[in-house]
Amino acid sequence: ALMNEIIRITLTEYYALSEKITKPCPLEDEQEMVDAMMEKYLDNERILDAYFARLKELLKQSPPGRLELEMKQRQIENLIKKHGLNFI
């Protein structure tokens, strides 16, 4: 029942937003604002695409297991700091 309610609300919001988006702006100023927002959105998308492409390249160059090893080392360092265990 809860899942059905979540789906119903989500669909209702989706249809309402879709209807708002498809309606043309009544004022020219608002259309200019929407165009500017869309351009900024597209710029952000381009930046994110470039970032993820670079991240994929870096991950390909990274040896397998390196990230997991670094994360484990950080966890150990944090535990040592947290509990005051300094063996060095």
PDB file of N, CA and C in Angstrom:
ATOM      1  N   ALA A   1       0.825  -1.187   0.000  1.00  0.00           N
ATOM      2  CA  ALA A   1       0.000   0.000   0.000  1.00  0.00           C
ATOM      3  C   ALA A   1       0.875   1.259   0.000  1.00  0.00           C
ATOM      4  N   LEU A   2       1.933   1.222   0.817  1.00  0.00           N
ATOM      5  CA  LEU A   2       2.827   2.368   0.886  1.00  0.00           C
ATOM      6  C   LEU A   2       3.527   2.586  -0.453  1.00  0.00           C
ATOM      7  N   MET A   3       3.978   1.499  -1.054  1.00  0.00           N
ATOM      8  CA  MET A   3       4.667   1.601  -2.341  1.00  0.00           C
ATOM      9  C   MET A   3       3.726   2.137  -3.414  1.00  0.00           C
ATOM     10  N   ASN A   4       2.476   1.688  -3.409  1.00  0.00           N
ATOM     11  CA  ASN A   4       1.494   2.197  -4.373  1.00  0.00           C
ATOM     12  C   ASN A   4       1.272   3.696  -4.197  1.00  0.00           C
ATOM     13  N   GLU A   5       1.234   4.142  -2.944  1.00  0.00           N
ATOM     14  CA  GLU A   5       1.046   5.573  -2.670  1.00  0.00           C
ATOM     15  C   GLU A   5       2.256   6.374  -3.152  1.00  0.00           C
ATOM     16  N   ILE A   6       3.456   5.857  -2.925  1.00  0.00           N
ATOM     17  CA  ILE A   6       4.674   6.530  -3.395  1.00  0.00           C
ATOM     18  C   ILE A   6       4.663   6.633  -4.913  1.00  0.00           C
ATOM     19  N   ILE A   7       4.296   5.548  -5.576  1.00  0.00           N
ATOM     20  CA  ILE A   7       4.237   5.546  -7.044  1.00  0.00           C
ATOM     21  C   ILE A   7       3.183   6.534  -7.533  1.00  0.00           C
ATOM     22  N   ARG A   8       2.028   6.560  -6.879  1.00  0.00           N
ATOM     23  CA  ARG A   8       0.953   7.472  -7.281  1.00  0.00           C
ATOM     24  C   ARG A   8       1.398   8.927  -7.148  1.00  0.00           C
ATOM     25  N   ILE A   9       2.021   9.277  -6.025  1.00  0.00           N
ATOM     26  CA  ILE A   9       2.484  10.651  -5.806  1.00  0.00           C
ATOM     27  C   ILE A   9       3.562  11.021  -6.817  1.00  0.00           C
ATOM     28  N   THR A  10       4.481  10.097  -7.047  1.00  0.00           N
ATOM     29  CA  THR A  10       5.558  10.353  -8.005  1.00  0.00           C
ATOM     30  C   THR A  10       5.006  10.592  -9.397  1.00  0.00           C
ATOM     31  N   LEU A  11       4.070   9.761  -9.821  1.00  0.00           N
ATOM     32  CA  LEU A  11       3.462   9.937 -11.146  1.00  0.00           C
ATOM     33  C   LEU A  11       2.689  11.249 -11.237  1.00  0.00           C
ATOM     34  N   THR A  12       1.969  11.595 -10.174  1.00  0.00           N
ATOM     35  CA  THR A  12       1.218  12.849 -10.165  1.00  0.00           C
ATOM     36  C   THR A  12       2.159  14.034 -10.317  1.00  0.00           C
ATOM     37  N   GLU A  13       3.259  14.023  -9.546  1.00  0.00           N
ATOM     38  CA  GLU A  13       4.235  15.108  -9.649  1.00  0.00           C
ATOM     39  C   GLU A  13       4.880  15.128 -11.029  1.00  0.00           C
ATOM     40  N   TYR A  14       5.172  13.952 -11.564  1.00  0.00           N
ATOM     41  CA  TYR A  14       5.788  13.865 -12.894  1.00  0.00           C
ATOM     42  C   TYR A  14       4.871  14.472 -13.957  1.00  0.00           C
ATOM     43  N   TYR A  15       3.600  14.092 -13.924  1.00  0.00           N
ATOM     44  CA  TYR A  15       2.659  14.613 -14.919  1.00  0.00           C
ATOM     45  C   TYR A  15       2.470  16.124 -14.760  1.00  0.00           C
ATOM     46  N   ALA A  16       2.421  16.602 -13.527  1.00  0.00           N
ATOM     47  CA  ALA A  16       2.263  18.046 -13.301  1.00  0.00           C
ATOM     48  C   ALA A  16       3.477  18.807 -13.824  1.00  0.00           C
ATOM     49  N   LEU A  17       4.672  18.303 -13.548  1.00  0.00           N
ATOM     50  CA  LEU A  17       5.879  18.962 -14.042  1.00  0.00           C
ATOM     51  C   LEU A  17       5.966  18.893 -15.558  1.00  0.00           C
ATOM     52  N   SER A  18       5.597  17.753 -16.125  1.00  0.00           N
ATOM     53  CA  SER A  18       5.617  17.617 -17.582  1.00  0.00           C
ATOM     54  C   SER A  18       4.691  18.636 -18.229  1.00  0.00           C
ATOM     55  N   GLU A  19       3.531  18.826 -17.631  1.00  0.00           N
ATOM     56  CA  GLU A  19       2.569  19.785 -18.172  1.00  0.00           C
ATOM     57  C   GLU A  19       3.116  21.206 -18.085  1.00  0.00           C
ATOM     58  N   LYS A  20       3.757  21.539 -16.956  1.00  0.00           N
ATOM     59  CA  LYS A  20       4.334  22.876 -16.805  1.00  0.00           C
ATOM     60  C   LYS A  20       5.436  23.119 -17.825  1.00  0.00           C
ATOM     61  N   ILE A  21       6.258  22.114 -18.051  1.00  0.00           N
ATOM     62  CA  ILE A  21       7.393  22.264 -18.962  1.00  0.00           C
ATOM     63  C   ILE A  21       6.923  22.440 -20.402  1.00  0.00           C
ATOM     64  N   THR A  22       5.875  21.731 -20.793  1.00  0.00           N
ATOM     65  CA  THR A  22       5.428  21.793 -22.187  1.00  0.00           C
ATOM     66  C   THR A  22       4.690  23.081 -22.520  1.00  0.00           C
ATOM     67  N   LYS A  23       4.180  23.778 -21.508  1.00  0.00           N
ATOM     68  CA  LYS A  23       3.479  25.039 -21.765  1.00  0.00           C
ATOM     69  C   LYS A  23       4.500  26.124 -22.101  1.00  0.00           C
ATOM     70  N   PRO A  24       4.241  26.908 -23.147  1.00  0.00           N
ATOM     71  CA  PRO A  24       5.158  28.016 -23.450  1.00  0.00           C
ATOM     72  C   PRO A  24       5.034  29.113 -22.396  1.00  0.00           C
ATOM     73  N   CYS A  25       6.102  29.826 -22.183  1.00  0.00           N
ATOM     74  CA  CYS A  25       6.075  30.920 -21.210  1.00  0.00           C
ATOM     75  C   CYS A  25       5.216  32.063 -21.747  1.00  0.00           C
ATOM     76  N   PRO A  26       4.352  32.623 -20.923  1.00  0.00           N
ATOM     77  CA  PRO A  26       3.477  33.688 -21.401  1.00  0.00           C
ATOM     78  C   PRO A  26       4.218  35.005 -21.660  1.00  0.00           C
ATOM     79  N   LEU A  27       5.276  35.248 -20.915  1.00  0.00           N
ATOM     80  CA  LEU A  27       6.007  36.503 -21.074  1.00  0.00           C
ATOM     81  C   LEU A  27       7.361  36.251 -21.717  1.00  0.00           C
ATOM     82  N   GLU A  28       7.795  37.208 -22.513  1.00  0.00           N
ATOM     83  CA  GLU A  28       9.069  37.070 -23.196  1.00  0.00           C
ATOM     84  C   GLU A  28      10.223  37.024 -22.201  1.00  0.00           C
ATOM     85  N   ASP A  29      10.131  37.831 -21.133  1.00  0.00           N
ATOM     86  CA  ASP A  29      11.196  37.868 -20.129  1.00  0.00           C
ATOM     87  C   ASP A  29      11.386  36.501 -19.488  1.00  0.00           C
ATOM     88  N   GLU A  30      10.280  35.833 -19.217  1.00  0.00           N
ATOM     89  CA  GLU A  30      10.380  34.508 -18.608  1.00  0.00           C
ATOM     90  C   GLU A  30      11.030  33.520 -19.567  1.00  0.00           C
ATOM     91  N   GLN A  31      10.725  33.643 -20.848  1.00  0.00           N
ATOM     92  CA  GLN A  31      11.329  32.742 -21.830  1.00  0.00           C
ATOM     93  C   GLN A  31      12.836  32.961 -21.880  1.00  0.00           C
ATOM     94  N   GLU A  32      13.267  34.218 -21.801  1.00  0.00           N
ATOM     95  CA  GLU A  32      14.701  34.511 -21.780  1.00  0.00           C
ATOM     96  C   GLU A  32      15.350  33.897 -20.548  1.00  0.00           C
ATOM     97  N   MET A  33      14.652  33.978 -19.412  1.00  0.00           N
ATOM     98  CA  MET A  33      15.176  33.400 -18.180  1.00  0.00           C
ATOM     99  C   MET A  33      15.285  31.878 -18.314  1.00  0.00           C
ATOM    100  N   VAL A  34      14.266  31.269 -18.892  1.00  0.00           N
ATOM    101  CA  VAL A  34      14.283  29.817 -19.094  1.00  0.00           C
ATOM    102  C   VAL A  34      15.418  29.430 -20.030  1.00  0.00           C
ATOM    103  N   ASP A  35      15.607  30.207 -21.103  1.00  0.00           N
ATOM    104  CA  ASP A  35      16.701  29.926 -22.036  1.00  0.00           C
ATOM    105  C   ASP A  35      18.055  30.025 -21.343  1.00  0.00           C
ATOM    106  N   ALA A  36      18.212  31.051 -20.497  1.00  0.00           N
ATOM    107  CA  ALA A  36      19.467  31.215 -19.761  1.00  0.00           C
ATOM    108  C   ALA A  36      19.689  30.048 -18.806  1.00  0.00           C
ATOM    109  N   MET A  37      18.620  29.613 -18.137  1.00  0.00           N
ATOM    110  CA  MET A  37      18.736  28.474 -17.222  1.00  0.00           C
ATOM    111  C   MET A  37      19.099  27.201 -17.978  1.00  0.00           C
ATOM    112  N   MET A  38      18.495  27.002 -19.132  1.00  0.00           N
ATOM    113  CA  MET A  38      18.799  25.813 -19.933  1.00  0.00           C
ATOM    114  C   MET A  38      20.247  25.833 -20.408  1.00  0.00           C
ATOM    115  N   GLU A  39      20.738  27.006 -20.791  1.00  0.00           N
ATOM    116  CA  GLU A  39      22.128  27.125 -21.230  1.00  0.00           C
ATOM    117  C   GLU A  39      23.078  26.798 -20.079  1.00  0.00           C
ATOM    118  N   LYS A  40      22.752  27.304 -18.887  1.00  0.00           N
ATOM    119  CA  LYS A  40      23.583  27.008 -17.715  1.00  0.00           C
ATOM    120  C   LYS A  40      23.536  25.514 -17.400  1.00  0.00           C
ATOM    121  N   TYR A  41      22.359  24.923 -17.517  1.00  0.00           N
ATOM    122  CA  TYR A  41      22.206  23.492 -17.283  1.00  0.00           C
ATOM    123  C   TYR A  41      23.063  22.702 -18.268  1.00  0.00           C
ATOM    124  N   LEU A  42      23.037  23.098 -19.538  1.00  0.00           N
ATOM    125  CA  LEU A  42      23.835  22.401 -20.548  1.00  0.00           C
ATOM    126  C   LEU A  42      25.326  22.573 -20.286  1.00  0.00           C
ATOM    127  N   ASP A  43      25.727  23.764 -19.827  1.00  0.00           N
ATOM    128  CA  ASP A  43      27.134  23.976 -19.470  1.00  0.00           C
ATOM    129  C   ASP A  43      27.541  23.036 -18.340  1.00  0.00           C
ATOM    130  N   ASN A  44      26.686  22.931 -17.333  1.00  0.00           N
ATOM    131  CA  ASN A  44      26.983  22.028 -16.216  1.00  0.00           C
ATOM    132  C   ASN A  44      27.059  20.583 -16.686  1.00  0.00           C
ATOM    133  N   GLU A  45      26.178  20.204 -17.602  1.00  0.00           N
ATOM    134  CA  GLU A  45      26.204  18.844 -18.152  1.00  0.00           C
ATOM    135  C   GLU A  45      27.519  18.580 -18.874  1.00  0.00           C
ATOM    136  N   ARG A  46      27.990  19.558 -19.652  1.00  0.00           N
ATOM    137  CA  ARG A  46      29.264  19.398 -20.363  1.00  0.00           C
ATOM    138  C   ARG A  46      30.418  19.241 -19.379  1.00  0.00           C
ATOM    139  N   ILE A  47      30.402  20.044 -18.318  1.00  0.00           N
ATOM    140  CA  ILE A  47      31.457  19.953 -17.307  1.00  0.00           C
ATOM    141  C   ILE A  47      31.430  18.582 -16.642  1.00  0.00           C
ATOM    142  N   LEU A  48      30.236  18.115 -16.274  1.00  0.00           N
ATOM    143  CA  LEU A  48      30.121  16.799 -15.643  1.00  0.00           C
ATOM    144  C   LEU A  48      30.554  15.684 -16.587  1.00  0.00           C
ATOM    145  N   ASP A  49      30.188  15.781 -17.856  1.00  0.00           N
ATOM    146  CA  ASP A  49      30.603  14.770 -18.829  1.00  0.00           C
ATOM    147  C   ASP A  49      32.120  14.717 -18.937  1.00  0.00           C
ATOM    148  N   ALA A  50      32.759  15.891 -18.990  1.00  0.00           N
ATOM    149  CA  ALA A  50      34.223  15.937 -19.067  1.00  0.00           C
ATOM    150  C   ALA A  50      34.845  15.360 -17.798  1.00  0.00           C
ATOM    151  N   TYR A  51      34.260  15.690 -16.644  1.00  0.00           N
ATOM    152  CA  TYR A  51      34.771  15.182 -15.370  1.00  0.00           C
ATOM    153  C   TYR A  51      34.684  13.657 -15.323  1.00  0.00           C
ATOM    154  N   PHE A  52      33.531  13.104 -15.696  1.00  0.00           N
ATOM    155  CA  PHE A  52      33.372  11.652 -15.638  1.00  0.00           C
ATOM    156  C   PHE A  52      34.234  10.940 -16.672  1.00  0.00           C
ATOM    157  N   ALA A  53      34.437  11.561 -17.830  1.00  0.00           N
ATOM    158  CA  ALA A  53      35.328  10.969 -18.830  1.00  0.00           C
ATOM    159  C   ALA A  53      36.751  10.912 -18.285  1.00  0.00           C
ATOM    160  N   ARG A  54      37.186  11.992 -17.646  1.00  0.00           N
ATOM    161  CA  ARG A  54      38.535  12.029 -17.049  1.00  0.00           C
ATOM    162  C   ARG A  54      38.640  11.017 -15.907  1.00  0.00           C
ATOM    163  N   LEU A  55      37.603  10.916 -15.107  1.00  0.00           N
ATOM    164  CA  LEU A  55      37.600   9.957 -14.005  1.00  0.00           C
ATOM    165  C   LEU A  55      37.714   8.530 -14.522  1.00  0.00           C
ATOM    166  N   LYS A  56      37.007   8.216 -15.605  1.00  0.00           N
ATOM    167  CA  LYS A  56      37.106   6.878 -16.201  1.00  0.00           C
ATOM    168  C   LYS A  56      38.524   6.593 -16.656  1.00  0.00           C
ATOM    169  N   GLU A  57      39.171   7.586 -17.279  1.00  0.00           N
ATOM    170  CA  GLU A  57      40.552   7.413 -17.736  1.00  0.00           C
ATOM    171  C   GLU A  57      41.485   7.176 -16.556  1.00  0.00           C
ATOM    172  N   LEU A  58      41.301   7.947 -15.492  1.00  0.00           N
ATOM    173  CA  LEU A  58      42.161   7.785 -14.317  1.00  0.00           C
ATOM    174  C   LEU A  58      41.952   6.421 -13.667  1.00  0.00           C
ATOM    175  N   LEU A  59      40.704   5.963 -13.629  1.00  0.00           N
ATOM    176  CA  LEU A  59      40.432   4.656 -13.033  1.00  0.00           C
ATOM    177  C   LEU A  59      41.037   3.533 -13.864  1.00  0.00           C
ATOM    178  N   LYS A  60      41.083   3.713 -15.187  1.00  0.00           N
ATOM    179  CA  LYS A  60      41.710   2.702 -16.042  1.00  0.00           C
ATOM    180  C   LYS A  60      43.208   2.624 -15.770  1.00  0.00           C
ATOM    181  N   GLN A  61      43.832   3.764 -15.459  1.00  0.00           N
ATOM    182  CA  GLN A  61      45.268   3.814 -15.224  1.00  0.00           C
ATOM    183  C   GLN A  61      45.638   3.322 -13.824  1.00  0.00           C
ATOM    184  N   SER A  62      44.693   3.339 -12.916  1.00  0.00           N
ATOM    185  CA  SER A  62      44.951   2.939 -11.532  1.00  0.00           C
ATOM    186  C   SER A  62      45.043   1.421 -11.441  1.00  0.00           C
ATOM    187  N   PRO A  63      46.068   0.908 -10.742  1.00  0.00           N
ATOM    188  CA  PRO A  63      46.174  -0.545 -10.614  1.00  0.00           C
ATOM    189  C   PRO A  63      45.002  -1.121  -9.818  1.00  0.00           C
ATOM    190  N   PRO A  64      44.605  -2.358 -10.113  1.00  0.00           N
ATOM    191  CA  PRO A  64      43.466  -2.963  -9.411  1.00  0.00           C
ATOM    192  C   PRO A  64      43.734  -3.074  -7.909  1.00  0.00           C
ATOM    193  N   GLY A  65      42.740  -2.739  -7.125  1.00  0.00           N
ATOM    194  CA  GLY A  65      42.849  -2.874  -5.679  1.00  0.00           C
ATOM    195  C   GLY A  65      43.493  -1.686  -4.989  1.00  0.00           C
ATOM    196  N   ARG A  66      44.007  -0.740  -5.740  1.00  0.00           N
ATOM    197  CA  ARG A  66      44.701   0.395  -5.122  1.00  0.00           C
ATOM    198  C   ARG A  66      43.733   1.241  -4.299  1.00  0.00           C
ATOM    199  N   LEU A  67      42.567   1.514  -4.858  1.00  0.00           N
ATOM    200  CA  LEU A  67      41.583   2.335  -4.159  1.00  0.00           C
ATOM    201  C   LEU A  67      41.142   1.673  -2.855  1.00  0.00           C
ATOM    202  N   GLU A  68      40.889   0.363  -2.908  1.00  0.00           N
ATOM    203  CA  GLU A  68      40.483  -0.360  -1.702  1.00  0.00           C
ATOM    204  C   GLU A  68      41.584  -0.315  -0.651  1.00  0.00           C
ATOM    205  N   LEU A  69      42.842  -0.465  -1.083  1.00  0.00           N
ATOM    206  CA  LEU A  69      43.973  -0.417  -0.157  1.00  0.00           C
ATOM    207  C   LEU A  69      44.078   0.954   0.500  1.00  0.00           C
ATOM    208  N   GLU A  70      43.932   2.016  -0.285  1.00  0.00           N
ATOM    209  CA  GLU A  70      43.998   3.367   0.271  1.00  0.00           C
ATOM    210  C   GLU A  70      42.862   3.611   1.260  1.00  0.00           C
ATOM    211  N   MET A  71      41.659   3.132   0.930  1.00  0.00           N
ATOM    212  CA  MET A  71      40.526   3.302   1.839  1.00  0.00           C
ATOM    213  C   MET A  71      40.762   2.555   3.145  1.00  0.00           C
ATOM    214  N   LYS A  72      41.291   1.334   3.052  1.00  0.00           N
ATOM    215  CA  LYS A  72      41.570   0.548   4.250  1.00  0.00           C
ATOM    216  C   LYS A  72      42.635   1.236   5.103  1.00  0.00           C
ATOM    217  N   GLN A  73      43.673   1.795   4.453  1.00  0.00           N
ATOM    218  CA  GLN A  73      44.714   2.500   5.193  1.00  0.00           C
ATOM    219  C   GLN A  73      44.140   3.713   5.919  1.00  0.00           C
ATOM    220  N   ARG A  74      43.239   4.449   5.257  1.00  0.00           N
ATOM    221  CA  ARG A  74      42.609   5.604   5.903  1.00  0.00           C
ATOM    222  C   ARG A  74      41.759   5.170   7.095  1.00  0.00           C
ATOM    223  N   GLN A  75      41.046   4.052   6.951  1.00  0.00           N
ATOM    224  CA  GLN A  75      40.230   3.557   8.061  1.00  0.00           C
ATOM    225  C   GLN A  75      41.110   3.211   9.254  1.00  0.00           C
ATOM    226  N   ILE A  76      42.237   2.555   8.987  1.00  0.00           N
ATOM    227  CA  ILE A  76      43.155   2.183  10.068  1.00  0.00           C
ATOM    228  C   ILE A  76      43.722   3.434  10.725  1.00  0.00           C
ATOM    229  N   GLU A  77      44.134   4.420   9.912  1.00  0.00           N
ATOM    230  CA  GLU A  77      44.663   5.669  10.461  1.00  0.00           C
ATOM    231  C   GLU A  77      43.620   6.375  11.320  1.00  0.00           C
ATOM    232  N   ASN A  78      42.369   6.388  10.860  1.00  0.00           N
ATOM    233  CA  ASN A  78      41.300   7.024  11.635  1.00  0.00           C
ATOM    234  C   ASN A  78      41.052   6.294  12.948  1.00  0.00           C
ATOM    235  N   LEU A  79      41.100   4.965  12.924  1.00  0.00           N
ATOM    236  CA  LEU A  79      40.927   4.199  14.161  1.00  0.00           C
ATOM    237  C   LEU A  79      42.055   4.484  15.137  1.00  0.00           C
ATOM    238  N   ILE A  80      43.277   4.564  14.623  1.00  0.00           N
ATOM    239  CA  ILE A  80      44.428   4.854  15.483  1.00  0.00           C
ATOM    240  C   ILE A  80      44.266   6.233  16.114  1.00  0.00           C
ATOM    241  N   LYS A  81      43.873   7.227  15.315  1.00  0.00           N
ATOM    242  CA  LYS A  81      43.676   8.578  15.848  1.00  0.00           C
ATOM    243  C   LYS A  81      42.541   8.605  16.859  1.00  0.00           C
ATOM    244  N   LYS A  82      41.452   7.904  16.542  1.00  0.00           N
ATOM    245  CA  LYS A  82      40.262   7.925  17.389  1.00  0.00           C
ATOM    246  C   LYS A  82      40.530   7.297  18.755  1.00  0.00           C
ATOM    247  N   HIS A  83      41.266   6.182  18.762  1.00  0.00           N
ATOM    248  CA  HIS A  83      41.475   5.448  20.007  1.00  0.00           C
ATOM    249  C   HIS A  83      42.835   5.723  20.637  1.00  0.00           C
ATOM    250  N   GLY A  84      43.618   6.600  20.025  1.00  0.00           N
ATOM    251  CA  GLY A  84      44.911   6.957  20.597  1.00  0.00           C
ATOM    252  C   GLY A  84      45.913   5.824  20.571  1.00  0.00           C
ATOM    253  N   LEU A  85      45.809   4.940  19.618  1.00  0.00           N
ATOM    254  CA  LEU A  85      46.736   3.817  19.503  1.00  0.00           C
ATOM    255  C   LEU A  85      47.854   4.205  18.552  1.00  0.00           C
ATOM    256  N   ASN A  86      48.978   4.583  19.103  1.00  0.00           N
ATOM    257  CA  ASN A  86      50.101   4.983  18.264  1.00  0.00           C
ATOM    258  C   ASN A  86      51.268   4.065  18.571  1.00  0.00           C
ATOM    259  N   PHE A  87      51.529   3.117  17.668  1.00  0.00           N
ATOM    260  CA  PHE A  87      52.573   2.128  17.886  1.00  0.00           C
ATOM    261  C   PHE A  87      53.923   2.575  17.349  1.00  0.00           C
ATOM    262  N   ILE A  88      53.966   3.703  16.699  1.00  0.00           N
ATOM    263  CA  ILE A  88      55.218   4.155  16.090  1.00  0.00           C
ATOM    264  C   ILE A  88      55.997   4.990  17.065  1.00  0.00           C
TER     265      ILE A  88
END
